[in-house]
C-alpha cells in the first residue's frame, strides 16, 4: 500500500423549512479527511425511521455527493415526514474517521409555533 486514504465527513450549516406538505433540508457536507469518495446523505424522520435500502427512500430523501480531500458540497433533501437527523453514509459503506461527526440533529424554527 503506497497511499492510505481516510475521509472524515462533517455536516454543518443545516437549515430546515416547511414548504406546503414537505420539509426541505439543506446542509453542507465536508470531507475533512483524505480521499475522493462518492457518499450518500439521508434524512431520518422524527419517528427515528431510516429506510433499510436506497430503494426504500422516497424521492429527495437520499442524495449522493462526490467529495474530494478537503472539499465540501451543499445538499438539498426533501421529505414528507418531519426530519430529525441528517446522516452521511447511512448504510455504512465507507470506512471513515469520526463517524459521529457525519450525523447531525435537525432543529426546526417552525416547530412549536416559533
N, C-alpha and C. Protein backbone atom coordinates (compact mmCIF):
# COMPACT_ATOMS: atom_id res chain seq x y z
N UNK A 1 0.85 -1.18 0.00
CA UNK A 1 0.00 0.00 0.00
C UNK A 1 0.89 1.24 0.00
N UNK A 2 0.73 2.04 -1.01
CA UNK A 2 1.53 3.26 -1.06
C UNK A 2 0.78 4.44 -0.46
N UNK A 3 -0.55 4.47 -0.63
CA UNK A 3 -1.36 5.55 -0.08
C UNK A 3 -2.54 4.97 0.69
N UNK A 4 -2.77 5.51 1.84
CA UNK A 4 -3.95 5.15 2.62
C UNK A 4 -4.79 6.41 2.74
N UNK A 5 -6.07 6.30 2.38
CA UNK A 5 -6.96 7.44 2.49
C UNK A 5 -8.02 7.15 3.54
N UNK A 6 -8.43 8.19 4.24
CA UNK A 6 -9.45 8.05 5.26
C UNK A 6 -10.28 9.33 5.32
N UNK A 7 -11.46 9.32 4.71
CA UNK A 7 -12.31 10.51 4.77
C UNK A 7 -12.82 10.75 6.19
N UNK A 8 -13.09 11.99 6.47
CA UNK A 8 -13.74 12.38 7.74
C UNK A 8 -14.82 13.37 7.38
N UNK A 9 -16.07 12.89 7.39
CA UNK A 9 -17.20 13.71 6.98
C UNK A 9 -17.72 14.52 8.16
N UNK A 10 -18.19 15.70 7.85
CA UNK A 10 -18.81 16.57 8.86
C UNK A 10 -19.98 17.28 8.21
N UNK A 11 -21.08 17.41 8.95
CA UNK A 11 -22.27 18.11 8.48
C UNK A 11 -22.37 19.43 9.22
N UNK A 12 -22.51 20.53 8.47
CA UNK A 12 -22.63 21.87 9.07
C UNK A 12 -23.73 22.65 8.35
N UNK A 13 -24.03 23.81 8.88
CA UNK A 13 -24.94 24.78 8.24
C UNK A 13 -26.27 24.15 7.84
N UNK A 14 -26.89 23.43 8.75
CA UNK A 14 -28.16 22.77 8.47
C UNK A 14 -29.30 23.77 8.61
N UNK A 15 -30.13 23.84 7.59
CA UNK A 15 -31.35 24.64 7.66
C UNK A 15 -32.52 23.75 7.28
N UNK A 16 -33.67 24.02 7.85
CA UNK A 16 -34.87 23.26 7.54
C UNK A 16 -36.05 24.22 7.46
N UNK A 17 -36.90 23.95 6.50
CA UNK A 17 -38.11 24.77 6.37
C UNK A 17 -39.22 23.89 5.82
N UNK A 18 -40.43 24.31 6.07
CA UNK A 18 -41.57 23.56 5.55
C UNK A 18 -42.13 24.30 4.35
N UNK A 19 -42.33 23.58 3.26
CA UNK A 19 -42.95 24.11 2.05
C UNK A 19 -44.17 23.26 1.76
N UNK A 20 -45.34 23.83 2.01
CA UNK A 20 -46.60 23.09 1.89
C UNK A 20 -46.52 21.83 2.74
N UNK A 21 -46.64 20.65 2.15
CA UNK A 21 -46.65 19.41 2.94
C UNK A 21 -45.25 18.83 3.12
N UNK A 22 -44.24 19.40 2.47
CA UNK A 22 -42.89 18.84 2.51
C UNK A 22 -41.97 19.62 3.43
N UNK A 23 -40.95 18.92 3.93
CA UNK A 23 -39.86 19.53 4.69
C UNK A 23 -38.64 19.56 3.78
N UNK A 24 -37.98 20.70 3.70
CA UNK A 24 -36.79 20.89 2.89
C UNK A 24 -35.60 21.08 3.84
N UNK A 25 -34.57 20.27 3.67
CA UNK A 25 -33.37 20.36 4.50
C UNK A 25 -32.19 20.65 3.58
N UNK A 26 -31.42 21.68 3.92
CA UNK A 26 -30.18 21.98 3.21
C UNK A 26 -29.05 21.95 4.23
N UNK A 27 -27.91 21.44 3.80
CA UNK A 27 -26.75 21.33 4.69
C UNK A 27 -25.49 21.30 3.86
N UNK A 28 -24.37 21.59 4.51
CA UNK A 28 -23.07 21.46 3.87
C UNK A 28 -22.41 20.20 4.42
N UNK A 29 -21.93 19.36 3.52
CA UNK A 29 -21.22 18.14 3.89
C UNK A 29 -19.76 18.34 3.51
N UNK A 30 -18.87 18.16 4.47
CA UNK A 30 -17.44 18.36 4.27
C UNK A 30 -16.71 17.02 4.32
N UNK A 31 -15.62 16.91 3.56
CA UNK A 31 -14.66 15.82 3.74
C UNK A 31 -13.41 16.47 4.32
N UNK A 32 -13.25 16.37 5.62
CA UNK A 32 -12.11 16.99 6.30
C UNK A 32 -10.91 16.02 6.35
N UNK A 33 -11.12 14.84 5.79
CA UNK A 33 -10.06 13.84 5.75
C UNK A 33 -9.45 13.76 4.37
N UNK A 34 -9.02 12.56 4.00
CA UNK A 34 -8.35 12.38 2.71
C UNK A 34 -9.15 11.43 1.84
N UNK A 35 -8.89 11.50 0.55
CA UNK A 35 -9.52 10.61 -0.41
C UNK A 35 -10.67 11.23 -1.14
N UNK A 36 -10.89 10.74 -2.35
CA UNK A 36 -12.03 11.14 -3.17
C UNK A 36 -13.08 10.04 -3.04
N UNK A 37 -14.31 10.42 -2.71
CA UNK A 37 -15.32 9.41 -2.43
C UNK A 37 -16.70 9.89 -2.83
N UNK A 38 -17.50 8.95 -3.34
CA UNK A 38 -18.93 9.19 -3.54
C UNK A 38 -19.63 8.66 -2.30
N UNK A 39 -20.49 9.48 -1.72
CA UNK A 39 -21.13 9.08 -0.47
C UNK A 39 -22.60 9.52 -0.49
N UNK A 40 -23.44 8.73 0.17
CA UNK A 40 -24.86 9.04 0.26
C UNK A 40 -25.14 9.87 1.51
N UNK A 41 -26.15 10.73 1.39
CA UNK A 41 -26.61 11.55 2.51
C UNK A 41 -28.11 11.32 2.61
N UNK A 42 -28.61 11.07 3.83
CA UNK A 42 -30.02 10.73 4.00
C UNK A 42 -30.62 11.46 5.19
N UNK A 43 -31.94 11.48 5.20
CA UNK A 43 -32.70 12.03 6.32
C UNK A 43 -33.29 10.91 7.14
N UNK A 44 -33.33 11.11 8.44
CA UNK A 44 -34.01 10.21 9.36
C UNK A 44 -35.22 10.98 9.90
N UNK A 45 -36.37 10.34 9.91
CA UNK A 45 -37.59 11.04 10.34
C UNK A 45 -37.63 11.24 11.84
N UNK A 46 -38.58 12.06 12.29
CA UNK A 46 -38.75 12.33 13.72
C UNK A 46 -39.12 11.07 14.49
N UNK A 47 -39.66 10.08 13.80
CA UNK A 47 -40.01 8.82 14.46
C UNK A 47 -38.80 7.90 14.55
N UNK A 48 -37.66 8.33 13.98
CA UNK A 48 -36.45 7.54 14.03
C UNK A 48 -36.32 6.55 12.89
N UNK A 49 -37.24 6.63 11.93
CA UNK A 49 -37.23 5.69 10.82
C UNK A 49 -36.20 6.08 9.77
N UNK A 50 -35.44 5.09 9.35
CA UNK A 50 -34.50 5.23 8.24
C UNK A 50 -34.80 4.08 7.30
N UNK A 51 -34.96 4.38 6.04
CA UNK A 51 -35.22 3.31 5.07
C UNK A 51 -34.08 2.29 5.16
N UNK A 52 -34.40 1.05 4.90
CA UNK A 52 -33.42 -0.02 5.05
C UNK A 52 -32.51 -0.20 3.83
N UNK A 53 -32.93 0.34 2.69
CA UNK A 53 -32.10 0.26 1.49
C UNK A 53 -32.37 1.50 0.65
N UNK A 54 -31.46 1.85 -0.25
CA UNK A 54 -31.67 3.05 -1.07
C UNK A 54 -32.99 3.03 -1.83
N UNK A 55 -33.44 1.86 -2.25
CA UNK A 55 -34.70 1.77 -2.99
C UNK A 55 -35.93 2.09 -2.16
N UNK A 56 -35.82 2.10 -0.84
CA UNK A 56 -36.96 2.37 0.02
C UNK A 56 -37.15 3.84 0.36
N UNK A 57 -36.22 4.68 -0.07
CA UNK A 57 -36.35 6.11 0.20
C UNK A 57 -37.32 6.73 -0.79
N UNK A 58 -38.11 7.69 -0.32
CA UNK A 58 -38.94 8.47 -1.22
C UNK A 58 -38.03 9.43 -1.99
N UNK A 59 -38.51 9.93 -3.11
CA UNK A 59 -37.71 10.84 -3.91
C UNK A 59 -37.29 12.06 -3.09
N UNK A 60 -36.00 12.37 -3.12
CA UNK A 60 -35.48 13.54 -2.41
C UNK A 60 -34.95 13.27 -1.02
N UNK A 61 -35.22 12.08 -0.46
CA UNK A 61 -34.78 11.78 0.91
C UNK A 61 -33.36 11.23 0.97
N UNK A 62 -32.79 10.87 -0.17
CA UNK A 62 -31.44 10.31 -0.24
C UNK A 62 -30.75 10.91 -1.46
N UNK A 63 -29.56 11.47 -1.24
CA UNK A 63 -28.78 12.01 -2.35
C UNK A 63 -27.36 11.47 -2.27
N UNK A 64 -26.67 11.50 -3.39
CA UNK A 64 -25.28 11.07 -3.45
C UNK A 64 -24.43 12.27 -3.85
N UNK A 65 -23.30 12.44 -3.18
CA UNK A 65 -22.38 13.55 -3.50
C UNK A 65 -20.97 12.99 -3.64
N UNK A 66 -20.17 13.66 -4.44
CA UNK A 66 -18.75 13.31 -4.59
C UNK A 66 -17.95 14.35 -3.84
N UNK A 67 -17.13 13.88 -2.91
CA UNK A 67 -16.29 14.76 -2.11
C UNK A 67 -14.83 14.36 -2.29
N UNK A 68 -14.00 15.34 -2.53
CA UNK A 68 -12.56 15.11 -2.62
C UNK A 68 -11.92 15.55 -1.32
N UNK A 69 -10.63 15.34 -1.17
CA UNK A 69 -9.92 15.74 0.03
C UNK A 69 -10.15 17.23 0.31
N UNK A 70 -10.52 17.55 1.54
CA UNK A 70 -10.75 18.93 1.99
C UNK A 70 -11.75 19.69 1.13
N UNK A 71 -12.81 19.01 0.69
CA UNK A 71 -13.83 19.69 -0.10
C UNK A 71 -15.16 19.65 0.64
N UNK A 72 -16.14 20.38 0.10
CA UNK A 72 -17.48 20.36 0.67
C UNK A 72 -18.50 20.48 -0.46
N UNK A 73 -19.73 20.11 -0.13
CA UNK A 73 -20.82 20.19 -1.08
C UNK A 73 -22.10 20.51 -0.31
N UNK A 74 -22.94 21.32 -0.91
CA UNK A 74 -24.24 21.61 -0.32
C UNK A 74 -25.24 20.59 -0.84
N UNK A 75 -26.01 20.01 0.07
CA UNK A 75 -27.03 19.04 -0.31
C UNK A 75 -28.40 19.61 0.03
N UNK A 76 -29.39 19.18 -0.75
CA UNK A 76 -30.79 19.57 -0.53
C UNK A 76 -31.61 18.30 -0.55
N UNK A 77 -32.31 18.07 0.55
CA UNK A 77 -33.14 16.88 0.67
C UNK A 77 -34.57 17.30 0.97
N UNK A 78 -35.52 16.45 0.60
CA UNK A 78 -36.93 16.75 0.79
C UNK A 78 -37.63 15.52 1.33
N UNK A 79 -38.52 15.73 2.27
CA UNK A 79 -39.27 14.61 2.84
C UNK A 79 -40.67 15.07 3.26
N UNK A 80 -41.60 14.14 3.23
CA UNK A 80 -42.96 14.43 3.69
C UNK A 80 -43.07 14.33 5.21
N UNK A 81 -42.13 13.61 5.83
CA UNK A 81 -42.14 13.46 7.28
C UNK A 81 -41.21 14.50 7.92
N UNK A 82 -41.55 14.92 9.11
CA UNK A 82 -40.69 15.86 9.83
C UNK A 82 -39.32 15.22 10.04
N UNK A 83 -38.25 15.87 9.56
CA UNK A 83 -36.91 15.28 9.70
C UNK A 83 -36.35 15.50 11.10
N UNK A 84 -35.55 14.54 11.52
CA UNK A 84 -34.93 14.60 12.84
C UNK A 84 -33.41 14.69 12.75
N UNK A 85 -32.85 14.00 11.76
CA UNK A 85 -31.40 13.85 11.65
C UNK A 85 -31.00 13.80 10.18
N UNK A 86 -29.84 14.39 9.87
CA UNK A 86 -29.22 14.20 8.57
C UNK A 86 -27.98 13.35 8.79
N UNK A 87 -27.80 12.35 7.91
CA UNK A 87 -26.76 11.36 8.13
C UNK A 87 -25.97 11.11 6.85
N UNK A 88 -24.65 11.20 6.95
CA UNK A 88 -23.77 10.86 5.84
C UNK A 88 -23.44 9.38 5.93
N UNK A 89 -23.50 8.68 4.81
CA UNK A 89 -23.19 7.26 4.73
C UNK A 89 -24.10 6.43 5.64
N UNK A 90 -25.42 6.52 5.42
CA UNK A 90 -26.36 5.83 6.32
C UNK A 90 -26.25 4.31 6.30
N UNK A 91 -25.71 3.75 5.23
CA UNK A 91 -25.60 2.29 5.13
C UNK A 91 -24.19 1.79 5.43
N UNK A 92 -23.35 2.68 5.97
CA UNK A 92 -22.00 2.36 6.45
C UNK A 92 -21.21 1.62 5.36
N UNK A 93 -21.11 2.26 4.21
CA UNK A 93 -20.37 1.69 3.08
C UNK A 93 -18.93 2.19 3.02
N UNK A 94 -18.66 3.33 3.68
CA UNK A 94 -17.36 3.99 3.58
C UNK A 94 -16.65 3.94 4.93
N UNK A 95 -15.43 3.42 4.93
CA UNK A 95 -14.60 3.49 6.13
C UNK A 95 -14.25 4.95 6.34
N UNK A 96 -14.57 5.47 7.52
CA UNK A 96 -14.34 6.89 7.79
C UNK A 96 -13.92 7.11 9.22
N UNK A 97 -13.27 8.23 9.42
CA UNK A 97 -12.82 8.65 10.74
C UNK A 97 -13.91 9.48 11.39
N UNK A 98 -14.11 9.34 12.69
CA UNK A 98 -15.05 10.15 13.47
C UNK A 98 -16.46 10.13 12.90
N UNK A 99 -17.03 8.94 12.74
CA UNK A 99 -18.36 8.76 12.14
C UNK A 99 -19.41 9.63 12.83
N UNK A 100 -19.26 9.91 14.12
CA UNK A 100 -20.27 10.71 14.83
C UNK A 100 -20.38 12.13 14.27
N UNK A 101 -19.33 12.66 13.64
CA UNK A 101 -19.39 13.98 13.02
C UNK A 101 -20.22 13.99 11.75
N UNK A 102 -20.52 12.80 11.21
CA UNK A 102 -21.28 12.67 9.97
C UNK A 102 -22.78 12.56 10.23
N UNK A 103 -23.18 12.76 11.48
CA UNK A 103 -24.59 12.69 11.87
C UNK A 103 -24.93 13.98 12.59
N UNK A 104 -25.99 14.64 12.16
CA UNK A 104 -26.34 15.94 12.75
C UNK A 104 -27.83 16.00 13.03
N UNK A 105 -28.18 16.37 14.26
CA UNK A 105 -29.59 16.57 14.61
C UNK A 105 -30.12 17.81 13.90
N UNK A 106 -31.37 17.75 13.53
CA UNK A 106 -32.01 18.86 12.83
C UNK A 106 -32.98 19.55 13.78
N UNK A 107 -32.90 20.86 13.83
CA UNK A 107 -33.80 21.66 14.66
C UNK A 107 -34.56 22.59 13.74
N UNK A 108 -35.86 22.63 13.89
CA UNK A 108 -36.69 23.44 13.01
C UNK A 108 -37.24 24.65 13.75
N UNK A 109 -37.11 25.82 13.12
CA UNK A 109 -37.70 27.04 13.70
C UNK A 109 -39.21 27.04 13.56
N UNK A 110 -39.74 26.14 12.73
CA UNK A 110 -41.19 26.10 12.54
C UNK A 110 -41.87 25.22 13.57
N UNK A 111 -41.11 24.50 14.38
CA UNK A 111 -41.71 23.66 15.41
C UNK A 111 -42.24 24.52 16.55
N UNK A 112 -43.29 24.06 17.17
CA UNK A 112 -43.88 24.69 18.35
C UNK A 112 -44.26 26.15 18.11
N UNK A 113 -44.56 26.48 16.86
CA UNK A 113 -45.01 27.84 16.55
C UNK A 113 -43.94 28.89 16.58
N UNK A 114 -42.66 28.52 16.65
CA UNK A 114 -41.58 29.50 16.68
C UNK A 114 -41.34 30.09 15.32
